[in-house]
Amino acid sequence: MNHALTETPQTLTEALKWPFCVGETQKLVLAALADRIREEKLGKPTFDGDVCEFVKQAPSLGIKNLDGPAIRPKAEDAIAELETLRTKGK
């Protein structure tokens, strides 16, 4: 599976904290999170798209800062990510 450079379990967790991450978007982020956790062999996620179950399992999967506010991405990181996506399309 081809992942964006910044798609780590921790950055996906940060995305879950944003107000736009509801409904179908939340399900997609949770599915990507489960895939990434399995790929990085951090554990066997069993939250099956349930954000409450994810929160219960997160500490055992090495996810930190669940209680803190969402961490905004750095502008430099966003620009680099957009450049990567742009060059992949060519």
N, C-alpha and C. Protein backbone atom coordinates (compact mmCIF):
# COMPACT_ATOMS: atom_id res chain seq x y z
N MET A 1 0.85 -1.18 0.00
CA MET A 1 0.00 0.00 0.00
C MET A 1 0.89 1.24 0.00
N ASN A 2 0.52 2.22 -0.80
CA ASN A 2 1.31 3.44 -0.91
C ASN A 2 0.76 4.50 0.03
N HIS A 3 1.55 4.90 1.01
CA HIS A 3 1.10 5.87 2.00
C HIS A 3 1.74 7.22 1.77
N ALA A 4 1.02 8.25 2.14
CA ALA A 4 1.60 9.59 2.14
C ALA A 4 2.73 9.63 3.16
N LEU A 5 3.66 10.51 2.94
CA LEU A 5 4.83 10.58 3.82
C LEU A 5 4.48 10.82 5.28
N THR A 6 3.44 11.57 5.53
CA THR A 6 3.11 11.92 6.90
C THR A 6 2.06 11.01 7.52
N GLU A 7 1.66 9.96 6.83
CA GLU A 7 0.60 9.10 7.34
C GLU A 7 1.17 8.08 8.32
N THR A 8 1.33 8.51 9.55
CA THR A 8 1.78 7.62 10.62
C THR A 8 0.60 7.42 11.56
N PRO A 9 0.65 6.40 12.41
CA PRO A 9 -0.45 6.24 13.37
C PRO A 9 -0.68 7.50 14.21
N GLN A 10 0.39 8.17 14.60
CA GLN A 10 0.21 9.36 15.43
C GLN A 10 -0.42 10.51 14.65
N THR A 11 -0.01 10.73 13.39
CA THR A 11 -0.60 11.82 12.61
C THR A 11 -2.05 11.51 12.25
N LEU A 12 -2.37 10.25 12.02
CA LEU A 12 -3.77 9.88 11.77
C LEU A 12 -4.60 10.10 13.03
N THR A 13 -4.02 9.82 14.19
CA THR A 13 -4.71 10.08 15.45
C THR A 13 -4.98 11.57 15.60
N GLU A 14 -4.02 12.39 15.24
CA GLU A 14 -4.23 13.84 15.30
C GLU A 14 -5.36 14.26 14.37
N ALA A 15 -5.46 13.64 13.20
CA ALA A 15 -6.54 13.97 12.26
C ALA A 15 -7.91 13.66 12.85
N LEU A 16 -7.99 12.61 13.66
CA LEU A 16 -9.27 12.26 14.30
C LEU A 16 -9.77 13.35 15.24
N LYS A 17 -8.88 14.18 15.73
CA LYS A 17 -9.26 15.23 16.69
C LYS A 17 -9.89 16.45 16.03
N TRP A 18 -9.72 16.61 14.74
CA TRP A 18 -10.24 17.80 14.06
C TRP A 18 -11.75 17.70 13.88
N PRO A 19 -12.45 18.83 13.95
CA PRO A 19 -13.92 18.82 13.88
C PRO A 19 -14.48 18.30 12.57
N PHE A 20 -13.72 18.35 11.49
CA PHE A 20 -14.21 17.86 10.20
C PHE A 20 -14.16 16.34 10.11
N CYS A 21 -13.52 15.68 11.04
CA CYS A 21 -13.32 14.24 10.97
C CYS A 21 -14.49 13.51 11.63
N VAL A 22 -15.62 13.49 10.93
CA VAL A 22 -16.84 12.83 11.40
C VAL A 22 -17.40 11.96 10.28
N GLY A 23 -18.32 11.10 10.64
CA GLY A 23 -19.02 10.29 9.65
C GLY A 23 -18.08 9.44 8.81
N GLU A 24 -18.24 9.53 7.50
CA GLU A 24 -17.45 8.72 6.57
C GLU A 24 -15.96 9.04 6.66
N THR A 25 -15.64 10.30 6.86
CA THR A 25 -14.23 10.68 6.99
C THR A 25 -13.60 9.99 8.19
N GLN A 26 -14.31 9.97 9.31
CA GLN A 26 -13.79 9.30 10.51
C GLN A 26 -13.58 7.81 10.25
N LYS A 27 -14.52 7.19 9.55
CA LYS A 27 -14.39 5.76 9.23
C LYS A 27 -13.16 5.50 8.37
N LEU A 28 -12.92 6.38 7.38
CA LEU A 28 -11.76 6.22 6.51
C LEU A 28 -10.46 6.39 7.28
N VAL A 29 -10.41 7.37 8.16
CA VAL A 29 -9.20 7.60 8.96
C VAL A 29 -8.97 6.41 9.90
N LEU A 30 -10.01 5.90 10.52
CA LEU A 30 -9.86 4.74 11.42
C LEU A 30 -9.41 3.51 10.64
N ALA A 31 -9.92 3.31 9.43
CA ALA A 31 -9.50 2.17 8.61
C ALA A 31 -8.02 2.31 8.22
N ALA A 32 -7.62 3.52 7.82
CA ALA A 32 -6.21 3.76 7.48
C ALA A 32 -5.33 3.56 8.71
N LEU A 33 -5.82 3.98 9.84
CA LEU A 33 -5.08 3.83 11.10
C LEU A 33 -4.87 2.35 11.43
N ALA A 34 -5.91 1.56 11.31
CA ALA A 34 -5.79 0.12 11.57
C ALA A 34 -4.80 -0.52 10.60
N ASP A 35 -4.88 -0.16 9.31
CA ASP A 35 -3.94 -0.70 8.32
C ASP A 35 -2.51 -0.34 8.67
N ARG A 36 -2.29 0.91 9.01
CA ARG A 36 -0.94 1.40 9.31
C ARG A 36 -0.38 0.73 10.56
N ILE A 37 -1.21 0.54 11.57
CA ILE A 37 -0.78 -0.13 12.80
C ILE A 37 -0.36 -1.57 12.49
N ARG A 38 -1.15 -2.25 11.66
CA ARG A 38 -0.79 -3.63 11.28
C ARG A 38 0.51 -3.65 10.47
N GLU A 39 0.64 -2.73 9.50
CA GLU A 39 1.83 -2.68 8.66
C GLU A 39 3.09 -2.41 9.46
N GLU A 40 2.99 -1.55 10.46
CA GLU A 40 4.15 -1.22 11.28
C GLU A 40 4.34 -2.19 12.44
N LYS A 41 3.47 -3.21 12.47
CA LYS A 41 3.55 -4.26 13.50
C LYS A 41 3.55 -3.69 14.91
N LEU A 42 2.68 -2.70 15.12
CA LEU A 42 2.55 -2.09 16.44
C LEU A 42 1.57 -2.84 17.32
N GLY A 43 0.83 -3.75 16.74
CA GLY A 43 -0.16 -4.51 17.48
C GLY A 43 -1.26 -4.97 16.55
N LYS A 44 -2.30 -5.55 17.13
CA LYS A 44 -3.44 -6.02 16.35
C LYS A 44 -4.66 -5.20 16.74
N PRO A 45 -4.95 -4.16 15.96
CA PRO A 45 -6.09 -3.31 16.30
C PRO A 45 -7.40 -4.07 16.11
N THR A 46 -8.29 -3.93 17.08
CA THR A 46 -9.61 -4.58 16.98
C THR A 46 -10.72 -3.57 17.19
N PHE A 47 -10.47 -2.31 16.86
CA PHE A 47 -11.48 -1.28 17.10
C PHE A 47 -12.53 -1.21 15.99
N ASP A 48 -12.30 -1.86 14.86
CA ASP A 48 -13.29 -2.00 13.79
C ASP A 48 -14.06 -0.72 13.49
N GLY A 49 -13.36 0.39 13.34
CA GLY A 49 -14.02 1.64 12.97
C GLY A 49 -14.74 2.36 14.09
N ASP A 50 -14.60 1.89 15.31
CA ASP A 50 -15.26 2.50 16.47
C ASP A 50 -14.26 3.38 17.20
N VAL A 51 -14.48 4.70 17.16
CA VAL A 51 -13.52 5.64 17.74
C VAL A 51 -13.38 5.44 19.26
N CYS A 52 -14.45 5.07 19.94
CA CYS A 52 -14.36 4.83 21.39
C CYS A 52 -13.48 3.62 21.69
N GLU A 53 -13.60 2.57 20.89
CA GLU A 53 -12.74 1.40 21.06
C GLU A 53 -11.29 1.73 20.74
N PHE A 54 -11.10 2.57 19.72
CA PHE A 54 -9.74 3.00 19.39
C PHE A 54 -9.10 3.71 20.58
N VAL A 55 -9.84 4.62 21.21
CA VAL A 55 -9.31 5.37 22.35
C VAL A 55 -8.92 4.41 23.48
N LYS A 56 -9.70 3.36 23.68
CA LYS A 56 -9.36 2.37 24.71
C LYS A 56 -8.07 1.62 24.37
N GLN A 57 -7.88 1.30 23.09
CA GLN A 57 -6.73 0.51 22.66
C GLN A 57 -5.47 1.34 22.40
N ALA A 58 -5.63 2.62 22.16
CA ALA A 58 -4.52 3.47 21.72
C ALA A 58 -3.26 3.36 22.58
N PRO A 59 -3.36 3.43 23.91
CA PRO A 59 -2.13 3.35 24.72
C PRO A 59 -1.35 2.05 24.48
N SER A 60 -2.04 0.94 24.32
CA SER A 60 -1.34 -0.33 24.10
C SER A 60 -0.74 -0.42 22.70
N LEU A 61 -1.18 0.46 21.80
CA LEU A 61 -0.66 0.50 20.43
C LEU A 61 0.43 1.56 20.26
N GLY A 62 0.78 2.22 21.36
CA GLY A 62 1.83 3.22 21.32
C GLY A 62 1.38 4.60 20.89
N ILE A 63 0.09 4.83 20.84
CA ILE A 63 -0.45 6.14 20.47
C ILE A 63 -0.43 7.03 21.70
N LYS A 64 0.09 8.24 21.54
CA LYS A 64 0.21 9.18 22.66
C LYS A 64 -0.61 10.44 22.40
N ASN A 65 -0.72 11.27 23.41
CA ASN A 65 -1.36 12.58 23.33
C ASN A 65 -2.83 12.51 22.92
N LEU A 66 -3.55 11.54 23.44
CA LEU A 66 -4.98 11.45 23.12
C LEU A 66 -5.77 12.59 23.74
N ASP A 67 -5.36 13.04 24.90
CA ASP A 67 -6.10 14.08 25.62
C ASP A 67 -5.77 15.50 25.17
N GLY A 68 -4.65 15.66 24.51
CA GLY A 68 -4.22 16.99 24.10
C GLY A 68 -4.97 17.48 22.87
N PRO A 69 -4.87 18.78 22.61
CA PRO A 69 -5.50 19.31 21.40
C PRO A 69 -4.78 18.80 20.15
N ALA A 70 -5.45 18.88 19.04
CA ALA A 70 -4.85 18.44 17.78
C ALA A 70 -3.61 19.27 17.48
N ILE A 71 -2.60 18.61 17.00
CA ILE A 71 -1.37 19.29 16.62
C ILE A 71 -1.47 19.69 15.16
N ARG A 72 -1.35 20.98 14.90
CA ARG A 72 -1.43 21.47 13.53
C ARG A 72 -0.18 21.07 12.76
N PRO A 73 -0.36 20.67 11.51
CA PRO A 73 0.83 20.36 10.70
C PRO A 73 1.63 21.62 10.41
N LYS A 74 2.92 21.48 10.25
CA LYS A 74 3.77 22.61 9.90
C LYS A 74 3.56 22.93 8.43
N ALA A 75 3.63 24.20 8.09
CA ALA A 75 3.44 24.63 6.70
C ALA A 75 4.45 23.95 5.78
N GLU A 76 5.69 23.82 6.23
CA GLU A 76 6.72 23.19 5.41
C GLU A 76 6.37 21.73 5.10
N ASP A 77 5.82 21.04 6.09
CA ASP A 77 5.42 19.64 5.88
C ASP A 77 4.27 19.55 4.89
N ALA A 78 3.31 20.45 5.01
CA ALA A 78 2.17 20.45 4.09
C ALA A 78 2.62 20.73 2.66
N ILE A 79 3.52 21.67 2.49
CA ILE A 79 4.03 22.00 1.16
C ILE A 79 4.79 20.81 0.57
N ALA A 80 5.61 20.17 1.38
CA ALA A 80 6.36 19.00 0.91
C ALA A 80 5.41 17.87 0.52
N GLU A 81 4.36 17.68 1.30
CA GLU A 81 3.38 16.63 1.00
C GLU A 81 2.66 16.93 -0.31
N LEU A 82 2.25 18.16 -0.50
CA LEU A 82 1.59 18.55 -1.75
C LEU A 82 2.51 18.36 -2.95
N GLU A 83 3.77 18.69 -2.79
CA GLU A 83 4.74 18.50 -3.88
C GLU A 83 4.89 17.02 -4.20
N THR A 84 4.93 16.18 -3.18
CA THR A 84 5.02 14.74 -3.40
C THR A 84 3.81 14.23 -4.16
N LEU A 85 2.63 14.67 -3.77
CA LEU A 85 1.41 14.25 -4.46
C LEU A 85 1.39 14.75 -5.89
N ARG A 86 1.87 15.97 -6.12
CA ARG A 86 1.88 16.55 -7.46
C ARG A 86 2.81 15.75 -8.38
N THR A 87 3.98 15.39 -7.90
CA THR A 87 4.93 14.68 -8.75
C THR A 87 4.53 13.22 -8.97
N LYS A 88 3.75 12.64 -8.08
CA LYS A 88 3.27 11.27 -8.28
C LYS A 88 2.26 11.21 -9.42
N GLY A 89 1.53 12.30 -9.63
CA GLY A 89 0.50 12.33 -10.67
C GLY A 89 1.05 12.46 -12.07
N LYS A 90 2.35 12.67 -12.22
CA LYS A 90 2.95 12.85 -13.56
C LYS A 90 3.42 11.56 -14.14
